[in-house]
Amino acid sequence: MTEHTRKTARQGDKERQIVVSVRFPEPLLQKVNAYADVVDASANAVIREAVEEHIRAQVRTPEFQRRSKEYLRRAQEQIAVLEDEEPTALVS
């Protein structure tokens, strides 16, 4: 079990956890289980760590930054419609 996996597992014990159902192709799930066995971790911990790392890496990309600004612009337009006002400019 990696140090990050142990840390994540300890943090998870203190946080409210919600059960979700995720579908995996069988070959991918076999890889997850094999990796978990090798590093002496649960498949759950491996998946959680992989998702956390993926999100951490993606939010730093220029593509995510561009898309998040676009998302905020669209949200402001929707709020303006609800308030019957003109959309305000995003502060960069």
PDB file of N, CA and C in Angstrom:
ATOM      1  N   MET A   1       0.849  -1.171   0.000  1.00  0.00           N
ATOM      2  CA  MET A   1       0.000   0.000   0.000  1.00  0.00           C
ATOM      3  C   MET A   1       0.892   1.231   0.000  1.00  0.00           C
ATOM      4  N   THR A   2       0.630   2.175  -0.893  1.00  0.00           N
ATOM      5  CA  THR A   2       1.461   3.373  -0.957  1.00  0.00           C
ATOM      6  C   THR A   2       1.136   4.294   0.206  1.00  0.00           C
ATOM      7  N   GLU A   3       2.060   5.197   0.495  1.00  0.00           N
ATOM      8  CA  GLU A   3       1.846   6.163   1.574  1.00  0.00           C
ATOM      9  C   GLU A   3       0.605   7.008   1.295  1.00  0.00           C
ATOM     10  N   HIS A   4       0.431   7.417   0.028  1.00  0.00           N
ATOM     11  CA  HIS A   4      -0.751   8.219  -0.318  1.00  0.00           C
ATOM     12  C   HIS A   4      -2.031   7.419  -0.097  1.00  0.00           C
ATOM     13  N   THR A   5      -2.005   6.135  -0.444  1.00  0.00           N
ATOM     14  CA  THR A   5      -3.188   5.294  -0.254  1.00  0.00           C
ATOM     15  C   THR A   5      -3.511   5.172   1.230  1.00  0.00           C
ATOM     16  N   ARG A   6      -2.482   4.985   2.060  1.00  0.00           N
ATOM     17  CA  ARG A   6      -2.714   4.902   3.505  1.00  0.00           C
ATOM     18  C   ARG A   6      -3.290   6.210   4.029  1.00  0.00           C
ATOM     19  N   LYS A   7      -2.707   7.332   3.583  1.00  0.00           N
ATOM     20  CA  LYS A   7      -3.185   8.647   4.011  1.00  0.00           C
ATOM     21  C   LYS A   7      -4.632   8.850   3.571  1.00  0.00           C
ATOM     22  N   THR A   8      -4.931   8.489   2.322  1.00  0.00           N
ATOM     23  CA  THR A   8      -6.287   8.628   1.805  1.00  0.00           C
ATOM     24  C   THR A   8      -7.251   7.764   2.606  1.00  0.00           C
ATOM     25  N   ALA A   9      -6.845   6.554   2.921  1.00  0.00           N
ATOM     26  CA  ALA A   9      -7.711   5.657   3.690  1.00  0.00           C
ATOM     27  C   ALA A   9      -7.979   6.243   5.073  1.00  0.00           C
ATOM     28  N   ARG A  10      -6.947   6.794   5.711  1.00  0.00           N
ATOM     29  CA  ARG A  10      -7.138   7.405   7.031  1.00  0.00           C
ATOM     30  C   ARG A  10      -8.065   8.605   6.936  1.00  0.00           C
ATOM     31  N   GLN A  11      -7.876   9.456   5.921  1.00  0.00           N
ATOM     32  CA  GLN A  11      -8.747  10.611   5.756  1.00  0.00           C
ATOM     33  C   GLN A  11     -10.174  10.160   5.509  1.00  0.00           C
ATOM     34  N   GLY A  12     -10.323   9.113   4.723  1.00  0.00           N
ATOM     35  CA  GLY A  12     -11.649   8.607   4.398  1.00  0.00           C
ATOM     36  C   GLY A  12     -12.395   8.121   5.629  1.00  0.00           C
ATOM     37  N   ASP A  13     -11.652   7.636   6.635  1.00  0.00           N
ATOM     38  CA  ASP A  13     -12.294   7.173   7.857  1.00  0.00           C
ATOM     39  C   ASP A  13     -12.977   8.324   8.587  1.00  0.00           C
ATOM     40  N   LYS A  14     -12.475   9.538   8.427  1.00  0.00           N
ATOM     41  CA  LYS A  14     -13.006  10.699   9.133  1.00  0.00           C
ATOM     42  C   LYS A  14     -14.104  11.402   8.344  1.00  0.00           C
ATOM     43  N   GLU A  15     -14.180  11.153   7.062  1.00  0.00           N
ATOM     44  CA  GLU A  15     -15.146  11.828   6.209  1.00  0.00           C
ATOM     45  C   GLU A  15     -16.345  10.931   5.953  1.00  0.00           C
ATOM     46  N   ARG A  16     -17.469  11.559   5.735  1.00  0.00           N
ATOM     47  CA  ARG A  16     -18.660  10.804   5.357  1.00  0.00           C
ATOM     48  C   ARG A  16     -18.426  10.219   3.975  1.00  0.00           C
ATOM     49  N   GLN A  17     -18.649   8.943   3.830  1.00  0.00           N
ATOM     50  CA  GLN A  17     -18.435   8.294   2.544  1.00  0.00           C
ATOM     51  C   GLN A  17     -19.772   7.897   1.948  1.00  0.00           C
ATOM     52  N   ILE A  18     -19.893   8.087   0.663  1.00  0.00           N
ATOM     53  CA  ILE A  18     -21.109   7.777  -0.068  1.00  0.00           C
ATOM     54  C   ILE A  18     -20.806   6.642  -1.032  1.00  0.00           C
ATOM     55  N   VAL A  19     -21.651   5.661  -1.045  1.00  0.00           N
ATOM     56  CA  VAL A  19     -21.479   4.512  -1.934  1.00  0.00           C
ATOM     57  C   VAL A  19     -22.015   4.871  -3.311  1.00  0.00           C
ATOM     58  N   VAL A  20     -21.202   4.616  -4.339  1.00  0.00           N
ATOM     59  CA  VAL A  20     -21.623   4.841  -5.723  1.00  0.00           C
ATOM     60  C   VAL A  20     -21.401   3.558  -6.512  1.00  0.00           C
ATOM     61  N   SER A  21     -22.138   3.441  -7.571  1.00  0.00           N
ATOM     62  CA  SER A  21     -21.991   2.284  -8.448  1.00  0.00           C
ATOM     63  C   SER A  21     -21.307   2.741  -9.723  1.00  0.00           C
ATOM     64  N   VAL A  22     -20.215   2.081 -10.066  1.00  0.00           N
ATOM     65  CA  VAL A  22     -19.456   2.432 -11.266  1.00  0.00           C
ATOM     66  C   VAL A  22     -19.273   1.167 -12.088  1.00  0.00           C
ATOM     67  N   ARG A  23     -19.470   1.281 -13.377  1.00  0.00           N
ATOM     68  CA  ARG A  23     -19.288   0.124 -14.259  1.00  0.00           C
ATOM     69  C   ARG A  23     -17.893   0.180 -14.882  1.00  0.00           C
ATOM     70  N   PHE A  24     -17.197  -0.948 -14.814  1.00  0.00           N
ATOM     71  CA  PHE A  24     -15.874  -1.077 -15.409  1.00  0.00           C
ATOM     72  C   PHE A  24     -15.900  -2.211 -16.422  1.00  0.00           C
ATOM     73  N   PRO A  25     -15.185  -2.049 -17.526  1.00  0.00           N
ATOM     74  CA  PRO A  25     -14.984  -3.217 -18.392  1.00  0.00           C
ATOM     75  C   PRO A  25     -14.211  -4.263 -17.575  1.00  0.00           C
ATOM     76  N   GLU A  26     -14.521  -5.519 -17.791  1.00  0.00           N
ATOM     77  CA  GLU A  26     -13.895  -6.578 -16.996  1.00  0.00           C
ATOM     78  C   GLU A  26     -12.366  -6.524 -17.018  1.00  0.00           C
ATOM     79  N   PRO A  27     -11.732  -6.302 -18.188  1.00  0.00           N
ATOM     80  CA  PRO A  27     -10.259  -6.254 -18.185  1.00  0.00           C
ATOM     81  C   PRO A  27      -9.701  -5.121 -17.304  1.00  0.00           C
ATOM     82  N   LEU A  28     -10.383  -3.978 -17.264  1.00  0.00           N
ATOM     83  CA  LEU A  28      -9.908  -2.875 -16.429  1.00  0.00           C
ATOM     84  C   LEU A  28     -10.060  -3.222 -14.950  1.00  0.00           C
ATOM     85  N   LEU A  29     -11.171  -3.817 -14.586  1.00  0.00           N
ATOM     86  CA  LEU A  29     -11.368  -4.213 -13.193  1.00  0.00           C
ATOM     87  C   LEU A  29     -10.337  -5.261 -12.777  1.00  0.00           C
ATOM     88  N   GLN A  30      -9.982  -6.157 -13.685  1.00  0.00           N
ATOM     89  CA  GLN A  30      -8.941  -7.143 -13.383  1.00  0.00           C
ATOM     90  C   GLN A  30      -7.612  -6.443 -13.114  1.00  0.00           C
ATOM     91  N   LYS A  31      -7.312  -5.401 -13.889  1.00  0.00           N
ATOM     92  CA  LYS A  31      -6.077  -4.638 -13.666  1.00  0.00           C
ATOM     93  C   LYS A  31      -6.112  -3.951 -12.304  1.00  0.00           C
ATOM     94  N   VAL A  32      -7.248  -3.348 -11.972  1.00  0.00           N
ATOM     95  CA  VAL A  32      -7.389  -2.676 -10.674  1.00  0.00           C
ATOM     96  C   VAL A  32      -7.146  -3.676  -9.547  1.00  0.00           C
ATOM     97  N   ASN A  33      -7.797  -4.822  -9.625  1.00  0.00           N
ATOM     98  CA  ASN A  33      -7.649  -5.837  -8.579  1.00  0.00           C
ATOM     99  C   ASN A  33      -6.226  -6.380  -8.506  1.00  0.00           C
ATOM    100  N   ALA A  34      -5.599  -6.601  -9.655  1.00  0.00           N
ATOM    101  CA  ALA A  34      -4.219  -7.099  -9.667  1.00  0.00           C
ATOM    102  C   ALA A  34      -3.278  -6.074  -9.044  1.00  0.00           C
ATOM    103  N   TYR A  35      -3.436  -4.812  -9.417  1.00  0.00           N
ATOM    104  CA  TYR A  35      -2.596  -3.752  -8.852  1.00  0.00           C
ATOM    105  C   TYR A  35      -2.816  -3.655  -7.341  1.00  0.00           C
ATOM    106  N   ALA A  36      -4.072  -3.692  -6.928  1.00  0.00           N
ATOM    107  CA  ALA A  36      -4.392  -3.610  -5.501  1.00  0.00           C
ATOM    108  C   ALA A  36      -3.729  -4.749  -4.729  1.00  0.00           C
ATOM    109  N   ASP A  37      -3.744  -5.946  -5.293  1.00  0.00           N
ATOM    110  CA  ASP A  37      -3.093  -7.087  -4.637  1.00  0.00           C
ATOM    111  C   ASP A  37      -1.594  -6.857  -4.485  1.00  0.00           C
ATOM    112  N   VAL A  38      -0.963  -6.352  -5.536  1.00  0.00           N
ATOM    113  CA  VAL A  38       0.488  -6.141  -5.511  1.00  0.00           C
ATOM    114  C   VAL A  38       0.876  -5.102  -4.464  1.00  0.00           C
ATOM    115  N   VAL A  39       0.116  -4.013  -4.368  1.00  0.00           N
ATOM    116  CA  VAL A  39       0.471  -2.938  -3.430  1.00  0.00           C
ATOM    117  C   VAL A  39      -0.211  -3.093  -2.076  1.00  0.00           C
ATOM    118  N   ASP A  40      -0.898  -4.219  -1.887  1.00  0.00           N
ATOM    119  CA  ASP A  40      -1.570  -4.527  -0.618  1.00  0.00           C
ATOM    120  C   ASP A  40      -2.559  -3.428  -0.230  1.00  0.00           C
ATOM    121  N   ALA A  41      -3.433  -3.111  -1.157  1.00  0.00           N
ATOM    122  CA  ALA A  41      -4.473  -2.107  -0.930  1.00  0.00           C
ATOM    123  C   ALA A  41      -5.806  -2.682  -1.387  1.00  0.00           C
ATOM    124  N   SER A  42      -6.867  -2.020  -1.009  1.00  0.00           N
ATOM    125  CA  SER A  42      -8.175  -2.444  -1.512  1.00  0.00           C
ATOM    126  C   SER A  42      -8.379  -1.857  -2.906  1.00  0.00           C
ATOM    127  N   ALA A  43      -9.213  -2.513  -3.689  1.00  0.00           N
ATOM    128  CA  ALA A  43      -9.551  -1.966  -5.004  1.00  0.00           C
ATOM    129  C   ALA A  43     -10.189  -0.592  -4.832  1.00  0.00           C
ATOM    130  N   ASN A  44     -10.986  -0.435  -3.797  1.00  0.00           N
ATOM    131  CA  ASN A  44     -11.620   0.847  -3.512  1.00  0.00           C
ATOM    132  C   ASN A  44     -10.574   1.948  -3.322  1.00  0.00           C
ATOM    133  N   ALA A  45      -9.536   1.666  -2.543  1.00  0.00           N
ATOM    134  CA  ALA A  45      -8.483   2.659  -2.307  1.00  0.00           C
ATOM    135  C   ALA A  45      -7.737   2.986  -3.593  1.00  0.00           C
ATOM    136  N   VAL A  46      -7.473   1.978  -4.414  1.00  0.00           N
ATOM    137  CA  VAL A  46      -6.777   2.195  -5.687  1.00  0.00           C
ATOM    138  C   VAL A  46      -7.615   3.087  -6.601  1.00  0.00           C
ATOM    139  N   ILE A  47      -8.896   2.795  -6.707  1.00  0.00           N
ATOM    140  CA  ILE A  47      -9.778   3.584  -7.576  1.00  0.00           C
ATOM    141  C   ILE A  47      -9.893   5.010  -7.060  1.00  0.00           C
ATOM    142  N   ARG A  48     -10.089   5.169  -5.763  1.00  0.00           N
ATOM    143  CA  ARG A  48     -10.217   6.508  -5.178  1.00  0.00           C
ATOM    144  C   ARG A  48      -8.944   7.327  -5.415  1.00  0.00           C
ATOM    145  N   GLU A  49      -7.783   6.701  -5.197  1.00  0.00           N
ATOM    146  CA  GLU A  49      -6.509   7.396  -5.407  1.00  0.00           C
ATOM    147  C   GLU A  49      -6.333   7.780  -6.878  1.00  0.00           C
ATOM    148  N   ALA A  50      -6.715   6.887  -7.785  1.00  0.00           N
ATOM    149  CA  ALA A  50      -6.584   7.169  -9.220  1.00  0.00           C
ATOM    150  C   ALA A  50      -7.484   8.327  -9.637  1.00  0.00           C
ATOM    151  N   VAL A  51      -8.698   8.353  -9.113  1.00  0.00           N
ATOM    152  CA  VAL A  51      -9.619   9.447  -9.447  1.00  0.00           C
ATOM    153  C   VAL A  51      -9.092  10.768  -8.895  1.00  0.00           C
ATOM    154  N   GLU A  52      -8.621  10.749  -7.654  1.00  0.00           N
ATOM    155  CA  GLU A  52      -8.063  11.972  -7.066  1.00  0.00           C
ATOM    156  C   GLU A  52      -6.884  12.494  -7.889  1.00  0.00           C
ATOM    157  N   GLU A  53      -5.976  11.604  -8.267  1.00  0.00           N
ATOM    158  CA  GLU A  53      -4.806  12.006  -9.052  1.00  0.00           C
ATOM    159  C   GLU A  53      -5.216  12.526 -10.421  1.00  0.00           C
ATOM    160  N   HIS A  54      -6.177  11.875 -11.050  1.00  0.00           N
ATOM    161  CA  HIS A  54      -6.650  12.310 -12.368  1.00  0.00           C
ATOM    162  C   HIS A  54      -7.219  13.724 -12.288  1.00  0.00           C
ATOM    163  N   ILE A  55      -8.054  13.976 -11.309  1.00  0.00           N
ATOM    164  CA  ILE A  55      -8.649  15.310 -11.170  1.00  0.00           C
ATOM    165  C   ILE A  55      -7.573  16.341 -10.862  1.00  0.00           C
ATOM    166  N   ARG A  56      -6.655  16.013  -9.942  1.00  0.00           N
ATOM    167  CA  ARG A  56      -5.561  16.936  -9.611  1.00  0.00           C
ATOM    168  C   ARG A  56      -4.771  17.325 -10.856  1.00  0.00           C
ATOM    169  N   ALA A  57      -4.489  16.359 -11.718  1.00  0.00           N
ATOM    170  CA  ALA A  57      -3.718  16.629 -12.939  1.00  0.00           C
ATOM    171  C   ALA A  57      -4.539  17.424 -13.949  1.00  0.00           C
ATOM    172  N   GLN A  58      -5.792  17.068 -14.115  1.00  0.00           N
ATOM    173  CA  GLN A  58      -6.620  17.703 -15.145  1.00  0.00           C
ATOM    174  C   GLN A  58      -6.937  19.164 -14.850  1.00  0.00           C
ATOM    175  N   VAL A  59      -7.181  19.510 -13.592  1.00  0.00           N
ATOM    176  CA  VAL A  59      -7.560  20.894 -13.290  1.00  0.00           C
ATOM    177  C   VAL A  59      -6.417  21.874 -13.539  1.00  0.00           C
ATOM    178  N   ARG A  60      -5.213  21.368 -13.691  1.00  0.00           N
ATOM    179  CA  ARG A  60      -4.062  22.235 -13.969  1.00  0.00           C
ATOM    180  C   ARG A  60      -3.842  22.469 -15.462  1.00  0.00           C
ATOM    181  N   THR A  61      -4.589  21.787 -16.308  1.00  0.00           N
ATOM    182  CA  THR A  61      -4.358  21.894 -17.746  1.00  0.00           C
ATOM    183  C   THR A  61      -4.993  23.156 -18.320  1.00  0.00           C
ATOM    184  N   PRO A  62      -4.403  23.706 -19.380  1.00  0.00           N
ATOM    185  CA  PRO A  62      -4.998  24.868 -20.041  1.00  0.00           C
ATOM    186  C   PRO A  62      -6.411  24.572 -20.554  1.00  0.00           C
ATOM    187  N   GLU A  63      -6.638  23.358 -21.016  1.00  0.00           N
ATOM    188  CA  GLU A  63      -7.969  22.990 -21.519  1.00  0.00           C
ATOM    189  C   GLU A  63      -9.015  23.087 -20.413  1.00  0.00           C
ATOM    190  N   PHE A  64      -8.691  22.594 -19.232  1.00  0.00           N
ATOM    191  CA  PHE A  64      -9.646  22.689 -18.126  1.00  0.00           C
ATOM    192  C   PHE A  64      -9.873  24.146 -17.750  1.00  0.00           C
ATOM    193  N   GLN A  65      -8.816  24.925 -17.711  1.00  0.00           N
ATOM    194  CA  GLN A  65      -8.957  26.343 -17.367  1.00  0.00           C
ATOM    195  C   GLN A  65      -9.871  27.053 -18.367  1.00  0.00           C
ATOM    196  N   ARG A  66      -9.672  26.760 -19.649  1.00  0.00           N
ATOM    197  CA  ARG A  66     -10.516  27.360 -20.678  1.00  0.00           C
ATOM    198  C   ARG A  66     -11.967  26.938 -20.487  1.00  0.00           C
ATOM    199  N   ARG A  67     -12.172  25.648 -20.276  1.00  0.00           N
ATOM    200  CA  ARG A  67     -13.537  25.134 -20.135  1.00  0.00           C
ATOM    201  C   ARG A  67     -14.209  25.641 -18.868  1.00  0.00           C
ATOM    202  N   SER A  68     -13.455  25.819 -17.798  1.00  0.00           N
ATOM    203  CA  SER A  68     -14.060  26.319 -16.563  1.00  0.00           C
ATOM    204  C   SER A  68     -14.502  27.770 -16.725  1.00  0.00           C
ATOM    205  N   LYS A  69     -13.712  28.569 -17.443  1.00  0.00           N
ATOM    206  CA  LYS A  69     -14.127  29.954 -17.710  1.00  0.00           C
ATOM    207  C   LYS A  69     -15.380  29.989 -18.574  1.00  0.00           C
ATOM    208  N   GLU A  70     -15.444  29.104 -19.558  1.00  0.00           N
ATOM    209  CA  GLU A  70     -16.628  29.012 -20.411  1.00  0.00           C
ATOM    210  C   GLU A  70     -17.843  28.581 -19.586  1.00  0.00           C
ATOM    211  N   TYR A  71     -17.648  27.644 -18.696  1.00  0.00           N
ATOM    212  CA  TYR A  71     -18.728  27.187 -17.819  1.00  0.00           C
ATOM    213  C   TYR A  71     -19.251  28.350 -16.971  1.00  0.00           C
ATOM    214  N   LEU A  72     -18.349  29.125 -16.398  1.00  0.00           N
ATOM    215  CA  LEU A  72     -18.760  30.275 -15.588  1.00  0.00           C
ATOM    216  C   LEU A  72     -19.503  31.307 -16.422  1.00  0.00           C
ATOM    217  N   ARG A  73     -19.037  31.528 -17.651  1.00  0.00           N
ATOM    218  CA  ARG A  73     -19.719  32.477 -18.532  1.00  0.00           C
ATOM    219  C   ARG A  73     -21.151  32.022 -18.795  1.00  0.00           C
ATOM    220  N   ARG A  74     -21.317  30.736 -19.112  1.00  0.00           N
ATOM    221  CA  ARG A  74     -22.669  30.211 -19.370  1.00  0.00           C
ATOM    222  C   ARG A  74     -23.546  30.302 -18.126  1.00  0.00           C
ATOM    223  N   ALA A  75     -22.981  30.016 -16.970  1.00  0.00           N
ATOM    224  CA  ALA A  75     -23.746  30.097 -15.722  1.00  0.00           C
ATOM    225  C   ALA A  75     -24.193  31.529 -15.462  1.00  0.00           C
ATOM    226  N   GLN A  76     -23.311  32.495 -15.712  1.00  0.00           N
ATOM    227  CA  GLN A  76     -23.685  33.898 -15.535  1.00  0.00           C
ATOM    228  C   GLN A  76     -24.812  34.287 -16.481  1.00  0.00           C
ATOM    229  N   GLU A  77     -24.763  33.784 -17.699  1.00  0.00           N
ATOM    230  CA  GLU A  77     -25.837  34.070 -18.653  1.00  0.00           C
ATOM    231  C   GLU A  77     -27.162  33.508 -18.156  1.00  0.00           C
ATOM    232  N   GLN A  78     -27.141  32.314 -17.603  1.00  0.00           N
ATOM    233  CA  GLN A  78     -28.368  31.709 -17.085  1.00  0.00           C
ATOM    234  C   GLN A  78     -28.917  32.500 -15.898  1.00  0.00           C
ATOM    235  N   ILE A  79     -28.048  32.915 -15.000  1.00  0.00           N
ATOM    236  CA  ILE A  79     -28.483  33.719 -13.856  1.00  0.00           C
ATOM    237  C   ILE A  79     -29.052  35.046 -14.332  1.00  0.00           C
ATOM    238  N   ALA A  80     -28.413  35.645 -15.331  1.00  0.00           N
ATOM    239  CA  ALA A  80     -28.910  36.914 -15.872  1.00  0.00           C
ATOM    240  C   ALA A  80     -30.311  36.740 -16.442  1.00  0.00           C
ATOM    241  N   VAL A  81     -30.563  35.615 -17.096  1.00  0.00           N
ATOM    242  CA  VAL A  81     -31.903  35.346 -17.625  1.00  0.00           C
ATOM    243  C   VAL A  81     -32.902  35.286 -16.474  1.00  0.00           C
ATOM    244  N   LEU A  82     -32.522  34.621 -15.398  1.00  0.00           N
ATOM    245  CA  LEU A  82     -33.414  34.514 -14.240  1.00  0.00           C
ATOM    246  C   LEU A  82     -33.666  35.869 -13.596  1.00  0.00           C
ATOM    247  N   GLU A  83     -32.647  36.709 -13.598  1.00  0.00           N
ATOM    248  CA  GLU A  83     -32.767  38.034 -12.989  1.00  0.00           C
ATOM    249  C   GLU A  83     -33.261  39.071 -13.978  1.00  0.00           C
ATOM    250  N   ASP A  84     -33.430  38.651 -15.234  1.00  0.00           N
ATOM    251  CA  ASP A  84     -33.866  39.550 -16.302  1.00  0.00           C
ATOM    252  C   ASP A  84     -32.915  40.731 -16.456  1.00  0.00           C
ATOM    253  N   GLU A  85     -31.605  40.422 -16.426  1.00  0.00           N
ATOM    254  CA  GLU A  85     -30.567  41.438 -16.599  1.00  0.00           C
ATOM    255  C   GLU A  85     -29.622  41.000 -17.703  1.00  0.00           C
ATOM    256  N   GLU A  86     -28.771  41.920 -18.119  1.00  0.00           N
ATOM    257  CA  GLU A  86     -27.721  41.596 -19.082  1.00  0.00           C
ATOM    258  C   GLU A  86     -26.624  40.817 -18.364  1.00  0.00           C
ATOM    259  N   PRO A  87     -26.008  39.850 -19.067  1.00  0.00           N
ATOM    260  CA  PRO A  87     -24.902  39.113 -18.441  1.00  0.00           C
ATOM    261  C   PRO A  87     -23.746  40.045 -18.100  1.00  0.00           C
ATOM    262  N   THR A  88     -23.121  39.811 -16.948  1.00  0.00           N
ATOM    263  CA  THR A  88     -21.973  40.622 -16.560  1.00  0.00           C
ATOM    264  C   THR A  88     -20.703  39.967 -17.069  1.00  0.00           C
ATOM    265  N   ALA A  89     -19.675  40.772 -17.275  1.00  0.00           N
ATOM    266  CA  ALA A  89     -18.397  40.253 -17.767  1.00  0.00           C
ATOM    267  C   ALA A  89     -17.692  39.506 -16.642  1.00  0.00           C
ATOM    268  N   LEU A  90     -17.016  38.424 -17.011  1.00  0.00           N
ATOM    269  CA  LEU A  90     -16.224  37.665 -16.050  1.00  0.00           C
ATOM    270  C   LEU A  90     -14.981  38.444 -15.675  1.00  0.00           C
ATOM    271  N   VAL A  91     -14.634  38.405 -14.428  1.00  0.00           N
ATOM    272  CA  VAL A  91     -13.383  39.002 -13.989  1.00  0.00           C
ATOM    273  C   VAL A  91     -12.309  37.948 -14.145  1.00  0.00           C
ATOM    274  N   SER A  92     -11.271  38.245 -14.903  1.00  0.00           N
ATOM    275  CA  SER A  92     -10.204  37.259 -15.135  1.00  0.00           C
ATOM    276  C   SER A  92      -9.161  37.338 -14.069  1.00  0.00           C
TER     277      SER A  92
END
